[in-house]
Amino acid sequence: MIRTVSTKPYSDQKPGTSGLRKKVPVFQQEHYAENFIQSIFDALDGFKGKTLVIGGDGRFYNREVIQKAIAMAAANGFGKVMVGQGGILSTPAASHVIRKYKTFGGIILSASHNPGGPHEDFGIKYNAGNGGPAPEKLTDAIFAKTKTISSFKIADIDPIDIDTVATVKAAGMTVEIIDPVTDYAELMESLFDFDALRKLFKSGFRMRFDAMHAVTGPYAKEILEHRLGAPNGTCRNFKPLPDFGGHHPDPNLVHAKHLYDEMMGPDAPDFGAASDGDGDRNLIIGKGIFVTPSDSVAMLAANARLAPGYKDGLKGIARSMPTSGAADRVAHKLGVGIYETPTGWKFFGNLLDAGMATICGEESAGTGSNHVREKDGLWAVLLWLNVLAARGESCKQIVTEHWETYGRNYYSRHDYEEVESGRANALVDELRAKLGSLPGTSVRGLKIANADDFAYHDPVDGSTSEHQGIRVLFEGGSRVVFRLSGTGTSGATLRVYIERYEPDKSRHDLDTQEALADLISAADDIAGIKSHTGRNKPSVIT
């Protein structure tokens, strides 16, 4: 039986860069999740009888919302849903399933790297038929529907057993529970030299992969230990937990400090890596060296030909605007296009679909390629392993040789988390108002060459996205960037990105924060960070 249930709109269901994210108690309000799911369906056309993928990162409230989504998909006319066993599908794996089986789209339940638990974060996002996040035009349409919704459709069905791989019928719709790992593992095997990686581990190569009790645990366990023969124990914290073990599943130097400490220790393994809540981010640490995400994008692009899936070279490289210019230098040397986009993986989708880019990356630890339409943490780890195996060098050797060849982009991001929204917006508004007066002035002995509010003109569809981050560019190539993040659920996160290019290899061993000290002070002088936020230091430095 299909019911039409009366409801009232909620005013706070505007999707951010990666769907709708709120605290669990918000989603537990009456009809809150149903309203948003129905608004997704109401904004779509032509899905009657088609297939929808549903899965998530296993966080608290994941299983309950999956049951709602299945029942609502049946009521709204989908012919089939494919659901990850146990409700599990990493974000890149969901993208691959959508693409491989040519489904209409997918609903991914995740708040990515944000904490999970009864009072922590939850999220719902829609991915389109290309496997990528819904474009802005669609998220705007979804938001418009949330403001006028008056009813939703839901089928009265018994809860589906999502823990057993099987195919069942529910309200006339097929429900297929799929192994969440198999399709993804096969895709990785088609891209990378698994034989070479097996030999690497047989040679005594030691690795640590920390899944942070998040979604990549089952994927890493299957691929690294079972298929590649890495020793048992290579994968740590590999069981997904609803609260991520009480930890913050963000693979950075604050929340994965234990891994960093181990990799800097006297008996460090050869290679260390971690991934986040939904599996789309990565952390790379070699023995004795941390690889910044910006550097990682550039280094993977420079060495991608060593992996079978990329042996024919790259069509182009794309990076988000706040990401360092290290990848630009690789693109210039390779003679391929370089594209600077706003933050948000959806902006890479057009470039990938058009065949203009092969590898994409963001400074926020997201790297990926044209194999899916999402960033992919485990893919980045496997490509690093492929490069290490092919070159027969350590991670530290590869990094230092890259800097000697291309120069080093000293780079850091300072996050001021949960800033009161009014204060954060006031900072940005004041900074935006004085952009025109900054060029030609000097701060801390640094002369400002240009300042703007970044706007992106999509070379594929001709669309324009404005107000994507404020850039202050200095003579000599240094810069600071200011941006409010759209991935948090309370207050606002001010992100400040600081970058200095250093071509002199004799100056490649400086401490990053020391190398950027004058720029860090200049950023505060220009934007009034301390006076606006009341903070004397960032919450997180990466």
Protein backbone atom coordinates (compact mmCIF):
# COMPACT_ATOMS: atom_id res chain seq x y z
CA MET A 1 0.00 0.00 0.00
CA ILE A 2 1.25 3.48 -0.90
CA ARG A 3 0.41 6.37 1.38
CA THR A 4 0.51 10.11 0.75
CA VAL A 5 1.47 11.77 4.01
CA SER A 6 0.79 15.45 4.71
CA THR A 7 3.79 17.46 5.87
CA LYS A 8 5.05 21.00 6.36
CA PRO A 9 8.26 22.51 5.00
CA TYR A 10 11.41 23.01 7.05
CA SER A 11 13.25 26.24 6.33
CA ASP A 12 16.79 24.89 6.77
CA GLN A 13 17.13 22.24 4.06
CA LYS A 14 19.47 24.05 1.67
CA PRO A 15 22.10 21.57 0.41
CA GLY A 16 25.75 22.59 0.73
CA THR A 17 28.69 21.52 -1.43
CA SER A 18 27.98 17.88 -0.55
CA GLY A 19 24.27 17.60 0.14
CA LEU A 20 22.30 18.35 3.30
CA ARG A 21 24.23 17.98 6.57
CA LYS A 22 22.77 18.49 10.03
CA LYS A 23 23.01 17.01 13.50
CA VAL A 24 21.25 13.67 13.97
CA PRO A 25 18.51 15.13 16.24
CA VAL A 26 17.62 17.53 13.42
CA PHE A 27 17.17 14.64 10.98
CA GLN A 28 15.14 12.78 13.63
CA GLN A 29 12.48 15.49 13.64
CA GLU A 30 9.14 14.36 12.28
CA HIS A 31 9.27 13.99 8.50
CA TYR A 32 12.61 15.86 8.24
CA ALA A 33 14.43 13.14 6.29
CA GLU A 34 11.28 12.24 4.35
CA ASN A 35 10.78 15.86 3.28
CA PHE A 36 14.28 16.09 1.85
CA ILE A 37 14.14 12.72 0.09
CA GLN A 38 10.77 13.57 -1.45
CA SER A 39 12.15 16.94 -2.55
CA ILE A 40 14.98 15.13 -4.34
CA PHE A 41 12.46 12.96 -6.18
CA ASP A 42 10.22 15.95 -6.95
CA ALA A 43 13.18 17.75 -8.54
CA LEU A 44 13.94 14.80 -10.85
CA ASP A 45 12.22 13.73 -14.06
CA GLY A 46 12.07 10.46 -15.95
CA PHE A 47 12.95 7.94 -13.23
CA LYS A 48 9.79 5.81 -13.39
CA GLY A 49 10.84 2.18 -13.57
CA LYS A 50 14.55 3.10 -13.32
CA THR A 51 17.18 2.02 -10.78
CA LEU A 52 18.34 3.99 -7.73
CA VAL A 53 21.50 3.22 -5.72
CA ILE A 54 21.29 3.67 -1.93
CA GLY A 55 24.12 3.40 0.58
CA GLY A 56 26.09 5.23 3.19
CA ASP A 57 29.10 5.33 5.47
CA GLY A 58 27.56 3.34 8.34
CA ARG A 59 27.23 6.30 10.70
CA PHE A 60 24.48 6.56 13.32
CA TYR A 61 20.97 6.80 11.77
CA ASN A 62 22.21 5.34 8.46
CA ARG A 63 20.15 2.16 8.66
CA GLU A 64 16.91 3.93 9.62
CA VAL A 65 17.07 6.42 6.76
CA ILE A 66 17.92 3.66 4.27
CA GLN A 67 14.62 1.96 5.16
CA LYS A 68 12.77 5.26 4.63
CA ALA A 69 14.53 5.82 1.29
CA ILE A 70 13.67 2.31 0.05
CA ALA A 71 9.99 2.71 0.96
CA MET A 72 9.81 6.17 -0.61
CA ALA A 73 11.60 5.04 -3.80
CA ALA A 74 8.97 2.32 -4.20
CA ALA A 75 6.12 4.78 -3.62
CA ASN A 76 7.52 7.28 -6.11
CA GLY A 77 7.83 4.77 -8.94
CA PHE A 78 11.42 3.54 -9.10
CA GLY A 79 11.60 0.06 -10.56
CA LYS A 80 14.61 -1.08 -8.55
CA VAL A 81 16.97 -0.03 -5.78
CA MET A 82 20.47 -1.38 -5.24
CA VAL A 83 21.54 -1.16 -1.60
CA GLY A 84 24.98 -1.81 -0.12
CA GLN A 85 25.01 -4.75 2.30
CA GLY A 86 24.63 -3.50 5.85
CA GLY A 87 23.82 -0.09 4.43
CA ILE A 88 27.47 0.33 3.49
CA LEU A 89 28.72 1.96 0.28
CA SER A 90 31.71 4.27 0.25
CA THR A 91 31.09 7.43 -1.72
CA PRO A 92 33.50 6.46 -4.55
CA ALA A 93 32.11 2.90 -4.59
CA ALA A 94 28.57 4.30 -4.89
CA SER A 95 29.72 6.45 -7.81
CA HIS A 96 31.18 3.36 -9.48
CA VAL A 97 28.00 1.31 -8.97
CA ILE A 98 25.91 4.11 -10.51
CA ARG A 99 28.23 4.22 -13.52
CA LYS A 100 28.80 0.47 -13.96
CA TYR A 101 25.13 -0.46 -13.86
CA LYS A 102 23.97 2.73 -15.62
CA THR A 103 21.47 3.52 -12.90
CA PHE A 104 19.38 6.68 -12.81
CA GLY A 105 21.29 8.03 -9.82
CA GLY A 106 21.93 7.41 -6.16
CA ILE A 107 21.26 8.60 -2.63
CA ILE A 108 24.37 8.60 -0.45
CA LEU A 109 23.91 8.93 3.30
CA SER A 110 27.02 10.51 4.73
CA ALA A 111 28.47 13.56 6.43
CA SER A 112 31.90 12.65 5.05
CA HIS A 113 34.70 13.46 7.52
CA ASN A 114 32.39 14.89 10.20
CA PRO A 115 31.90 13.03 13.53
CA GLY A 116 29.13 10.45 13.91
CA GLY A 117 26.87 9.38 16.79
CA PRO A 118 23.46 10.11 18.34
CA HIS A 119 24.25 13.83 18.73
CA GLU A 120 26.74 14.23 15.90
CA ASP A 121 26.39 14.66 12.13
CA PHE A 122 24.33 13.02 9.42
CA GLY A 123 23.87 13.83 5.76
CA ILE A 124 21.94 13.03 2.60
CA LYS A 125 23.14 13.83 -0.90
CA TYR A 126 22.03 12.92 -4.39
CA ASN A 127 24.40 11.76 -7.11
CA ALA A 128 23.36 12.00 -10.74
CA GLY A 129 23.55 9.38 -13.48
CA ASN A 130 27.19 10.19 -14.27
CA GLY A 131 28.03 9.09 -10.71
CA GLY A 132 28.90 12.61 -9.57
CA PRO A 133 27.33 14.96 -7.02
CA ALA A 134 24.22 16.77 -8.16
CA PRO A 135 25.10 19.96 -10.07
CA GLU A 136 24.15 23.33 -8.61
CA LYS A 137 21.13 23.64 -10.89
CA LEU A 138 19.70 20.44 -9.39
CA THR A 139 20.56 21.25 -5.76
CA ASP A 140 18.89 24.64 -6.23
CA ALA A 141 15.80 22.87 -7.57
CA ILE A 142 15.81 20.45 -4.60
CA PHE A 143 16.03 23.36 -2.17
CA ALA A 144 13.14 25.10 -3.91
CA LYS A 145 11.03 21.95 -3.48
CA THR A 146 11.84 21.77 0.25
CA LYS A 147 10.32 25.22 0.73
CA THR A 148 6.95 24.30 -0.77
CA ILE A 149 6.54 20.59 0.04
CA SER A 150 3.12 19.66 1.41
CA SER A 151 3.20 15.84 1.23
CA PHE A 152 5.44 12.84 0.59
CA LYS A 153 4.80 9.34 -0.74
CA ILE A 154 5.85 6.23 1.15
CA ALA A 155 5.05 2.53 0.77
CA ASP A 156 3.87 0.51 3.75
CA ILE A 157 6.39 -2.33 3.64
CA ASP A 158 8.13 -4.44 6.24
CA PRO A 159 11.76 -3.46 6.95
CA ILE A 160 14.10 -4.91 4.33
CA ASP A 161 16.87 -7.24 5.50
CA ILE A 162 19.85 -5.20 4.31
CA ASP A 163 22.42 -7.49 5.95
CA THR A 164 22.01 -10.39 3.53
CA VAL A 165 23.04 -10.28 -0.14
CA ALA A 166 19.78 -11.12 -1.90
CA THR A 167 17.09 -9.81 -4.25
CA VAL A 168 13.56 -9.29 -2.96
CA LYS A 169 10.36 -7.51 -3.99
CA ALA A 170 8.76 -4.68 -2.03
CA ALA A 171 5.61 -2.84 -3.12
CA GLY A 172 6.22 -3.95 -6.70
CA MET A 173 9.83 -2.70 -6.70
CA THR A 174 12.95 -4.89 -6.84
CA VAL A 175 15.37 -4.47 -3.95
CA GLU A 176 18.85 -5.88 -4.56
CA ILE A 177 21.24 -6.02 -1.63
CA ILE A 178 24.76 -6.04 -3.11
CA ASP A 179 28.23 -6.79 -1.77
CA PRO A 180 29.58 -3.24 -1.35
CA VAL A 181 33.22 -4.16 -1.99
CA THR A 182 33.39 -6.53 -4.98
CA ASP A 183 32.67 -4.12 -7.85
CA TYR A 184 35.03 -1.51 -6.45
CA ALA A 185 37.86 -4.00 -5.86
CA GLU A 186 37.56 -5.23 -9.45
CA LEU A 187 37.77 -1.64 -10.70
CA MET A 188 40.98 -1.05 -8.71
CA GLU A 189 42.47 -4.26 -10.11
CA SER A 190 41.81 -2.96 -13.64
CA LEU A 191 43.70 0.29 -12.92
CA PHE A 192 46.73 -0.84 -10.95
CA ASP A 193 49.47 -3.47 -11.28
CA PHE A 194 48.32 -5.85 -8.55
CA ASP A 195 51.11 -8.33 -9.40
CA ALA A 196 53.74 -5.66 -8.75
CA LEU A 197 52.00 -4.72 -5.49
CA ARG A 198 51.95 -8.36 -4.36
CA LYS A 199 55.71 -8.52 -4.99
CA LEU A 200 56.16 -5.28 -3.05
CA PHE A 201 54.49 -6.71 0.04
CA LYS A 202 56.31 -10.06 -0.36
CA SER A 203 59.60 -8.17 -0.32
CA GLY A 204 58.93 -7.09 3.27
CA PHE A 205 57.41 -3.68 2.52
CA ARG A 206 55.55 -2.51 5.62
CA MET A 207 52.44 -0.36 5.56
CA ARG A 208 49.83 1.03 7.95
CA PHE A 209 46.35 1.88 6.74
CA ASP A 210 44.01 3.47 9.28
CA ALA A 211 40.37 3.23 8.25
CA MET A 212 39.37 5.27 11.33
CA HIS A 213 36.46 2.88 12.04
CA ALA A 214 34.84 4.29 8.93
CA VAL A 215 33.63 3.00 5.59
CA THR A 216 36.93 2.13 3.86
CA GLY A 217 37.72 -0.59 6.42
CA PRO A 218 36.08 -3.45 4.49
CA TYR A 219 37.49 -2.17 1.18
CA ALA A 220 41.07 -1.81 2.47
CA LYS A 221 40.96 -5.17 4.27
CA GLU A 222 39.80 -6.96 1.12
CA ILE A 223 42.17 -5.24 -1.30
CA LEU A 224 45.35 -4.71 0.74
CA GLU A 225 45.38 -7.83 2.92
CA HIS A 226 43.32 -10.39 0.99
CA ARG A 227 44.06 -9.57 -2.65
CA LEU A 228 47.53 -8.00 -2.36
CA GLY A 229 48.87 -10.11 0.49
CA ALA A 230 49.78 -7.34 2.91
CA PRO A 231 50.37 -8.80 6.39
CA ASN A 232 47.41 -9.19 8.70
CA GLY A 233 47.25 -6.05 10.81
CA THR A 234 48.23 -3.72 7.98
CA CYS A 235 44.67 -2.34 8.16
CA ARG A 236 43.74 -0.84 11.49
CA ASN A 237 40.37 0.29 12.83
CA PHE A 238 38.80 -1.46 9.85
CA LYS A 239 35.36 -2.17 11.32
CA PRO A 240 32.88 0.63 10.51
CA LEU A 241 31.18 1.88 13.68
CA PRO A 242 28.15 4.20 13.98
CA ASP A 243 30.20 6.67 16.04
CA PHE A 244 33.57 5.94 14.37
CA GLY A 245 34.82 4.65 17.70
CA GLY A 246 34.20 8.04 19.28
CA HIS A 247 36.82 9.62 17.03
CA HIS A 248 36.69 12.29 14.33
CA PRO A 249 37.05 10.44 11.00
CA ASP A 250 39.02 13.19 9.28
CA PRO A 251 42.42 12.00 7.99
CA ASN A 252 44.52 15.00 8.95
CA LEU A 253 47.47 15.54 11.25
CA VAL A 254 45.22 16.38 14.19
CA HIS A 255 42.76 13.49 14.07
CA ALA A 256 45.27 10.92 12.79
CA LYS A 257 48.17 12.12 14.94
CA HIS A 258 48.86 8.58 16.16
CA LEU A 259 49.62 7.53 12.59
CA TYR A 260 51.84 10.56 12.04
CA ASP A 261 53.75 9.84 15.27
CA GLU A 262 54.29 6.23 14.23
CA MET A 263 55.52 7.23 10.77
CA MET A 264 58.01 9.67 12.30
CA GLY A 265 59.23 7.12 14.86
CA PRO A 266 62.43 5.04 14.85
CA ASP A 267 60.71 1.82 13.69
CA ALA A 268 58.33 3.46 11.21
CA PRO A 269 56.72 1.37 8.47
CA ASP A 270 57.61 2.24 4.87
CA PHE A 271 54.28 3.88 4.11
CA GLY A 272 51.28 5.15 6.05
CA ALA A 273 47.80 6.16 4.89
CA ALA A 274 44.32 6.82 6.18
CA SER A 275 40.87 7.57 4.82
CA ASP A 276 37.81 9.37 6.14
CA GLY A 277 34.19 8.71 7.10
CA ASP A 278 32.80 8.00 3.62
CA GLY A 279 36.04 6.99 1.91
CA ASP A 280 36.63 9.91 -0.41
CA ARG A 281 39.57 11.57 1.37
CA ASN A 282 43.12 10.38 2.00
CA LEU A 283 46.16 11.01 4.16
CA ILE A 284 49.59 10.08 2.84
CA ILE A 285 52.64 9.83 5.11
CA GLY A 286 55.92 8.26 4.09
CA LYS A 287 58.59 7.13 6.52
CA GLY A 288 59.75 10.41 8.00
CA ILE A 289 57.73 12.68 5.70
CA PHE A 290 54.16 13.98 5.49
CA VAL A 291 52.91 14.56 1.95
CA THR A 292 50.51 17.49 1.76
CA PRO A 293 47.35 16.81 -0.25
CA SER A 294 48.34 19.54 -2.72
CA ASP A 295 51.74 17.93 -3.27
CA SER A 296 50.15 14.50 -3.49
CA VAL A 297 47.94 15.57 -6.40
CA ALA A 298 50.97 16.91 -8.27
CA MET A 299 53.16 13.90 -7.55
CA LEU A 300 50.50 11.38 -8.53
CA ALA A 301 49.88 13.26 -11.76
CA ALA A 302 53.61 13.37 -12.52
CA ASN A 303 53.91 9.58 -12.01
CA ALA A 304 50.50 8.36 -13.17
CA ARG A 305 51.88 6.70 -16.32
CA LEU A 306 53.51 4.07 -14.09
CA ALA A 307 50.06 2.57 -13.41
CA PRO A 308 48.47 0.45 -16.18
CA GLY A 309 45.21 2.40 -16.10
CA TYR A 310 47.04 5.63 -16.96
CA LYS A 311 49.85 4.35 -19.19
CA ASP A 312 48.62 6.47 -22.12
CA GLY A 313 49.08 9.68 -20.15
CA LEU A 314 46.74 12.36 -18.89
CA LYS A 315 44.23 14.49 -20.77
CA GLY A 316 44.54 17.23 -18.19
CA ILE A 317 44.76 18.03 -14.49
CA ALA A 318 42.16 19.91 -12.47
CA ARG A 319 42.50 21.37 -8.98
CA SER A 320 40.33 23.46 -6.74
CA MET A 321 41.29 27.12 -6.49
CA PRO A 322 42.54 26.90 -2.86
CA THR A 323 44.80 23.94 -3.74
CA SER A 324 48.44 24.86 -4.27
CA GLY A 325 49.87 25.53 -7.72
CA ALA A 326 52.16 22.47 -7.56
CA ALA A 327 49.95 20.57 -10.02
CA ASP A 328 50.11 23.49 -12.48
CA ARG A 329 53.86 22.98 -12.87
CA VAL A 330 53.35 19.30 -13.63
CA ALA A 331 50.66 20.07 -16.20
CA HIS A 332 52.91 22.60 -17.94
CA LYS A 333 55.77 20.09 -18.14
CA LEU A 334 53.47 17.35 -19.44
CA GLY A 335 51.93 19.74 -21.95
CA VAL A 336 48.37 19.11 -20.78
CA GLY A 337 45.57 21.41 -19.64
CA ILE A 338 45.33 22.70 -16.07
CA TYR A 339 41.93 23.77 -14.73
CA GLU A 340 41.30 25.81 -11.57
CA THR A 341 37.78 25.23 -10.22
CA PRO A 342 35.80 26.21 -7.12
CA THR A 343 35.89 23.88 -4.13
CA GLY A 344 33.47 20.97 -4.52
CA TRP A 345 33.96 17.81 -6.54
CA LYS A 346 30.92 18.48 -8.70
CA PHE A 347 32.90 21.12 -10.59
CA PHE A 348 35.33 18.45 -11.80
CA GLY A 349 32.49 16.35 -13.21
CA ASN A 350 32.01 18.40 -16.38
CA LEU A 351 35.76 18.32 -17.13
CA LEU A 352 35.92 14.56 -16.58
CA ASP A 353 32.78 13.86 -18.63
CA ALA A 354 34.14 16.02 -21.46
CA GLY A 355 37.46 14.14 -21.46
CA MET A 356 39.38 17.31 -20.61
CA ALA A 357 40.88 16.09 -17.32
CA THR A 358 42.11 12.74 -16.01
CA ILE A 359 43.33 13.48 -12.47
CA CYS A 360 41.69 15.96 -10.10
CA GLY A 361 42.49 17.05 -6.58
CA GLU A 362 41.65 19.29 -3.67
CA GLU A 363 43.82 20.49 -0.82
CA SER A 364 41.23 19.10 1.60
CA ALA A 365 42.69 15.61 1.06
CA GLY A 366 40.53 14.64 -1.91
CA THR A 367 42.16 13.15 -4.98
CA GLY A 368 40.63 11.15 -7.81
CA SER A 369 40.51 10.45 -11.51
CA ASN A 370 38.13 9.72 -14.36
CA HIS A 371 37.46 6.18 -13.03
CA VAL A 372 34.54 7.58 -10.98
CA ARG A 373 32.99 11.01 -10.44
CA GLU A 374 33.95 11.44 -6.80
CA LYS A 375 37.23 11.86 -5.01
CA ASP A 376 38.55 8.48 -3.89
CA GLY A 377 40.78 7.93 -0.87
CA LEU A 378 41.71 4.31 -1.40
CA TRP A 379 42.38 4.91 -5.11
CA ALA A 380 44.97 7.55 -4.15
CA VAL A 381 46.62 5.14 -1.71
CA LEU A 382 46.81 2.38 -4.34
CA LEU A 383 48.26 4.75 -6.95
CA TRP A 384 50.93 5.79 -4.45
CA LEU A 385 51.71 2.11 -3.84
CA ASN A 386 51.90 1.51 -7.60
CA VAL A 387 54.35 4.42 -7.96
CA LEU A 388 56.48 3.16 -5.06
CA ALA A 389 56.57 -0.34 -6.55
CA ALA A 390 57.42 0.86 -10.05
CA ARG A 391 60.14 3.32 -9.01
CA GLY A 392 61.68 1.19 -6.29
CA GLU A 393 62.26 4.31 -4.21
CA SER A 394 60.96 5.45 -0.85
CA CYS A 395 58.17 7.96 -0.48
CA LYS A 396 60.68 10.51 0.86
CA GLN A 397 62.96 10.05 -2.16
CA ILE A 398 60.06 10.59 -4.57
CA VAL A 399 58.95 13.75 -2.76
CA THR A 400 62.40 15.34 -2.57
CA GLU A 401 63.15 14.51 -6.22
CA HIS A 402 59.84 16.07 -7.22
CA TRP A 403 60.70 19.29 -5.37
CA GLU A 404 64.13 19.39 -7.00
CA THR A 405 62.49 19.08 -10.42
CA TYR A 406 59.52 21.41 -10.00
CA GLY A 407 60.29 23.55 -6.95
CA ARG A 408 58.45 23.38 -3.66
CA ASN A 409 55.10 25.01 -2.91
CA TYR A 410 55.12 25.63 0.85
CA TYR A 411 51.48 25.38 1.73
CA SER A 412 49.22 25.29 4.79
CA ARG A 413 45.55 25.60 5.67
CA HIS A 414 44.38 27.21 8.91
CA ASP A 415 40.84 26.32 9.97
CA TYR A 416 38.84 28.36 12.46
CA GLU A 417 35.98 25.98 13.24
CA GLU A 418 32.50 26.76 14.57
CA VAL A 419 32.92 30.51 14.37
CA GLU A 420 29.67 32.33 15.13
CA SER A 421 28.08 32.78 11.69
CA GLY A 422 27.48 36.51 12.04
CA ARG A 423 31.13 37.14 12.90
CA ALA A 424 32.37 34.97 10.05
CA ASN A 425 30.10 36.67 7.53
CA ALA A 426 31.14 40.11 8.78
CA LEU A 427 34.80 39.24 8.20
CA VAL A 428 34.11 38.14 4.64
CA ASP A 429 31.85 41.10 3.87
CA GLU A 430 34.43 43.63 5.10
CA LEU A 431 37.24 41.90 3.23
CA ARG A 432 35.20 41.77 0.04
CA ALA A 433 34.42 45.49 0.33
CA LYS A 434 38.08 46.51 0.37
CA LEU A 435 39.41 44.20 -2.37
CA GLY A 436 39.66 47.06 -4.86
CA SER A 437 41.93 49.08 -2.57
CA LEU A 438 44.43 46.31 -1.77
CA PRO A 439 46.51 46.05 -5.00
CA GLY A 440 49.68 48.13 -4.77
CA THR A 441 49.70 48.22 -0.98
CA SER A 442 52.19 46.35 1.21
CA VAL A 443 51.64 44.20 4.30
CA ARG A 444 54.52 42.85 6.41
CA GLY A 445 56.90 43.85 3.63
CA LEU A 446 54.89 41.91 1.04
CA LYS A 447 53.50 43.87 -1.90
CA ILE A 448 49.98 42.91 -3.01
CA ALA A 449 49.81 42.46 -6.78
CA ASN A 450 46.11 41.63 -7.05
CA ALA A 451 43.05 40.73 -5.01
CA ASP A 452 39.72 39.31 -6.15
CA ASP A 453 36.67 37.22 -5.33
CA PHE A 454 37.21 34.08 -7.40
CA ALA A 455 34.61 33.37 -10.09
CA TYR A 456 34.67 30.23 -12.21
CA HIS A 457 33.56 30.13 -15.82
CA ASP A 458 32.92 26.50 -16.72
CA PRO A 459 34.60 25.76 -20.07
CA VAL A 460 32.17 22.90 -20.75
CA ASP A 461 28.68 24.26 -20.05
CA GLY A 462 29.44 27.99 -19.95
CA SER A 463 28.02 28.47 -16.45
CA THR A 464 29.50 30.94 -13.97
CA SER A 465 29.96 30.35 -10.24
CA GLU A 466 30.78 33.50 -8.28
CA HIS A 467 31.99 34.26 -4.75
CA GLN A 468 34.05 31.07 -4.52
CA GLY A 469 36.82 32.41 -2.29
CA ILE A 470 38.74 35.63 -1.76
CA ARG A 471 42.29 35.65 -3.13
CA VAL A 472 45.09 38.03 -2.19
CA LEU A 473 48.04 37.57 -4.55
CA PHE A 474 51.50 38.93 -3.75
CA GLU A 475 54.38 39.78 -6.03
CA GLY A 476 56.63 36.74 -6.46
CA GLY A 477 53.79 34.21 -6.54
CA SER A 478 52.80 33.95 -2.87
CA ARG A 479 49.13 34.17 -1.92
CA VAL A 480 46.55 33.86 0.84
CA VAL A 481 42.98 32.70 0.24
CA PHE A 482 39.96 33.14 2.53
CA ARG A 483 36.87 30.98 2.28
CA LEU A 484 33.89 29.95 4.41
CA SER A 485 33.37 26.19 4.25
CA GLY A 486 30.04 24.56 3.46
CA THR A 487 30.75 21.17 5.07
CA GLY A 488 30.08 21.88 8.75
CA THR A 489 26.81 21.62 10.64
CA SER A 490 27.18 24.31 13.32
CA GLY A 491 28.47 27.85 13.01
CA ALA A 492 30.86 28.58 10.17
CA THR A 493 34.36 27.35 9.42
CA LEU A 494 36.75 30.00 8.16
CA ARG A 495 39.49 28.45 6.07
CA VAL A 496 42.66 30.42 5.37
CA TYR A 497 45.06 29.01 2.77
CA ILE A 498 48.67 30.22 2.71
CA GLU A 499 51.14 29.45 -0.08
CA ARG A 500 54.70 30.37 -1.06
CA TYR A 501 56.61 28.98 -4.06
CA GLU A 502 60.28 28.19 -3.44
CA PRO A 503 62.39 27.21 -6.48
CA ASP A 504 65.70 27.08 -4.54
CA LYS A 505 66.30 23.43 -3.50
CA SER A 506 68.65 24.57 -0.72
CA ARG A 507 65.55 26.03 0.95
CA HIS A 508 63.32 22.95 0.63
CA ASP A 509 63.88 21.69 4.18
CA LEU A 510 62.35 24.59 6.10
CA ASP A 511 59.55 24.09 8.60
CA THR A 512 56.34 24.90 6.75
CA GLN A 513 54.86 27.25 9.34
CA GLU A 514 58.18 29.11 9.63
CA ALA A 515 58.47 29.39 5.85
CA LEU A 516 54.98 30.94 5.79
CA ALA A 517 55.20 33.03 8.99
CA ASP A 518 55.13 36.45 7.32
CA LEU A 519 52.21 35.44 5.10
CA ILE A 520 50.29 34.07 8.10
CA SER A 521 50.71 37.41 9.90
CA ALA A 522 49.77 39.29 6.73
CA ALA A 523 46.55 37.25 6.43
CA ASP A 524 45.49 38.37 9.91
CA ASP A 525 46.40 41.98 9.16
CA ILE A 526 44.37 41.96 5.95
CA ALA A 527 41.25 40.19 7.22
CA GLY A 528 41.25 40.97 10.94
CA ILE A 529 40.91 37.30 11.84
CA LYS A 530 41.61 37.68 15.56
CA SER A 531 39.35 40.70 16.00
CA HIS A 532 36.46 39.13 14.07
CA THR A 533 36.64 35.58 15.43
CA GLY A 534 38.03 36.21 18.90
CA ARG A 535 40.52 33.40 18.25
CA ASN A 536 44.26 33.67 18.85
CA LYS A 537 45.02 30.58 16.80
CA PRO A 538 43.32 28.20 14.37
CA SER A 539 41.39 25.12 15.51
CA VAL A 540 43.28 22.95 13.03
CA ILE A 541 46.43 23.49 11.00
CA THR A 542 47.10 21.18 8.05
